[in-house]
Structures are given as C-alpha cells and as structure tokens.
C-alpha cells in the first residue's frame, strides 16, 4: 500500500476528528456540504492511486465556507497525507505543490 499502517491510522483518526468538529463547529447549513467534502477527500487519500491534486485542493472549500476548520483540514489531513504519499511514490496529476502553500 502507498501508506503505512501507522500513517493510515493517523489519517483515519484525523478524518474522525474532522467529522466530529464539523458537527460541533460548522454552521448547520454547511454540514451536508462539509461532510461531502470530507468524503471526497477521504476517497482521494485512500484510493488505490491517491489523487494528490484533489488532496491539495481540499482546504479551499473549508477556507471559503467553514474557515474555523480549514487549518484542521490542512494540518491534520492534507499535509500529512501529501507528505506520506509523496514519500511512498504517489503522483499528483495537477499542480499540487503550489496548492500546499
């Protein structure tokens, strides 16, 4: 697999934490969209061939619609996933490095 068991476990925990924080902190009118964004991000991270461009772009929606959660998405999910997948040979299909700023 592209990610080690330890990395997979950390990312699963980060996704669990993110889902809990959405429920607790996001405005109710954004819950469905936020959960959809999380599901898309999960699919991109855990796919057989991870979609690093989608992973790198994920914080954008959160920055626009639930800014309080954007740093959590970036720091606990996107950056660790990009780092781990980059080390394991995952390939981005777009401009992922620029999107990580």
Protein backbone atom coordinates (compact mmCIF):
# COMPACT_ATOMS: atom_id res chain seq x y z
CA UNK A 1 0.00 0.00 0.00
CA UNK A 2 1.03 3.60 -0.55
CA UNK A 3 0.67 4.42 3.16
CA UNK A 4 1.98 2.54 6.18
CA UNK A 5 -0.48 1.17 8.74
CA UNK A 6 0.62 3.89 11.18
CA UNK A 7 0.00 6.62 8.59
CA UNK A 8 -3.36 5.09 7.67
CA UNK A 9 -4.40 5.01 11.32
CA UNK A 10 -3.34 8.63 11.89
CA UNK A 11 -5.28 9.76 8.84
CA UNK A 12 -8.37 7.78 9.85
CA UNK A 13 -8.22 9.43 13.28
CA UNK A 14 -7.82 12.84 11.65
CA UNK A 15 -10.89 12.21 9.47
CA UNK A 16 -12.87 11.11 12.55
CA UNK A 17 -11.81 14.26 14.38
CA UNK A 18 -12.70 16.40 11.37
CA UNK A 19 -16.18 14.88 11.14
CA UNK A 20 -16.77 15.48 14.85
CA UNK A 21 -15.58 19.07 14.57
CA UNK A 22 -17.87 19.71 11.60
CA UNK A 23 -20.84 18.57 13.65
CA UNK A 24 -19.74 20.65 16.64
CA UNK A 25 -18.46 23.80 14.95
CA UNK A 26 -19.69 24.21 11.39
CA UNK A 27 -22.86 26.16 10.79
CA UNK A 28 -25.70 23.64 10.37
CA UNK A 29 -26.38 24.87 6.85
CA UNK A 30 -22.87 23.69 5.87
CA UNK A 31 -22.94 20.23 7.49
CA UNK A 32 -24.03 18.29 4.40
CA UNK A 33 -21.58 20.04 2.12
CA UNK A 34 -18.77 19.72 4.65
CA UNK A 35 -19.38 16.00 5.07
CA UNK A 36 -19.45 15.63 1.28
CA UNK A 37 -16.10 17.45 1.05
CA UNK A 38 -14.66 15.18 3.74
CA UNK A 39 -15.90 12.10 1.88
CA UNK A 40 -14.30 13.34 -1.36
CA UNK A 41 -11.05 13.99 0.49
CA UNK A 42 -11.14 10.51 2.05
CA UNK A 43 -11.67 8.90 -1.36
CA UNK A 44 -8.77 10.92 -2.78
CA UNK A 45 -6.43 9.92 0.08
CA UNK A 46 -7.36 6.25 0.40
CA UNK A 47 -7.76 5.43 -3.31
CA UNK A 48 -5.55 2.76 -4.85
CA UNK A 49 -3.95 5.61 -6.76
CA UNK A 50 -4.31 8.65 -4.47
CA UNK A 51 -5.37 11.86 -6.20
CA UNK A 52 -2.85 14.27 -4.72
CA UNK A 53 -4.20 17.21 -6.72
CA UNK A 54 -7.61 16.71 -5.08
CA UNK A 55 -6.00 16.31 -1.67
CA UNK A 56 -4.04 19.53 -2.11
CA UNK A 57 -7.13 21.44 -3.25
CA UNK A 58 -9.34 20.26 -0.36
CA UNK A 59 -8.73 23.15 2.07
CA UNK A 60 -10.18 25.62 -0.44
CA UNK A 61 -13.82 24.77 0.25
CA UNK A 62 -13.25 24.86 4.01
CA UNK A 63 -11.46 28.22 3.81
CA UNK A 64 -14.47 29.68 1.99
CA UNK A 65 -17.29 28.04 3.92
CA UNK A 66 -16.03 26.89 7.33
CA UNK A 67 -12.82 28.85 7.94
CA UNK A 68 -12.51 27.63 11.54
CA UNK A 69 -11.97 24.11 10.21
CA UNK A 70 -9.60 24.93 7.34
CA UNK A 71 -6.45 24.71 9.45
CA UNK A 72 -7.54 21.32 10.82
CA UNK A 73 -8.06 20.05 7.27
CA UNK A 74 -4.66 21.36 6.21
CA UNK A 75 -2.62 20.41 9.27
CA UNK A 76 -4.12 17.05 10.29
CA UNK A 77 -5.15 15.63 6.90
CA UNK A 78 -3.76 17.35 3.82
CA UNK A 79 -0.14 17.97 4.83
CA UNK A 80 0.40 14.56 6.48
CA UNK A 81 -1.26 12.80 3.53
CA UNK A 82 0.76 14.72 0.97
CA UNK A 83 3.98 14.09 2.87
CA UNK A 84 3.31 10.37 3.31
CA UNK A 85 2.07 9.84 -0.22
CA UNK A 86 4.96 11.83 -1.63
CA UNK A 87 7.44 9.61 0.23
CA UNK A 88 5.68 6.48 -0.96
CA UNK A 89 5.81 7.48 -4.61
CA UNK A 90 2.28 8.82 -5.04
CA UNK A 91 1.92 11.02 -8.08
CA UNK A 92 0.00 14.24 -8.34
CA UNK A 93 -1.99 14.78 -11.50
CA UNK A 94 -2.02 18.53 -11.19
CA UNK A 95 -0.25 21.46 -9.55
CA UNK A 96 -0.29 20.00 -6.05
CA UNK A 97 2.97 21.54 -4.73
CA UNK A 98 1.76 25.08 -5.41
CA UNK A 99 -1.58 24.33 -3.78
CA UNK A 100 0.11 23.31 -0.49
CA UNK A 101 1.16 26.82 0.46
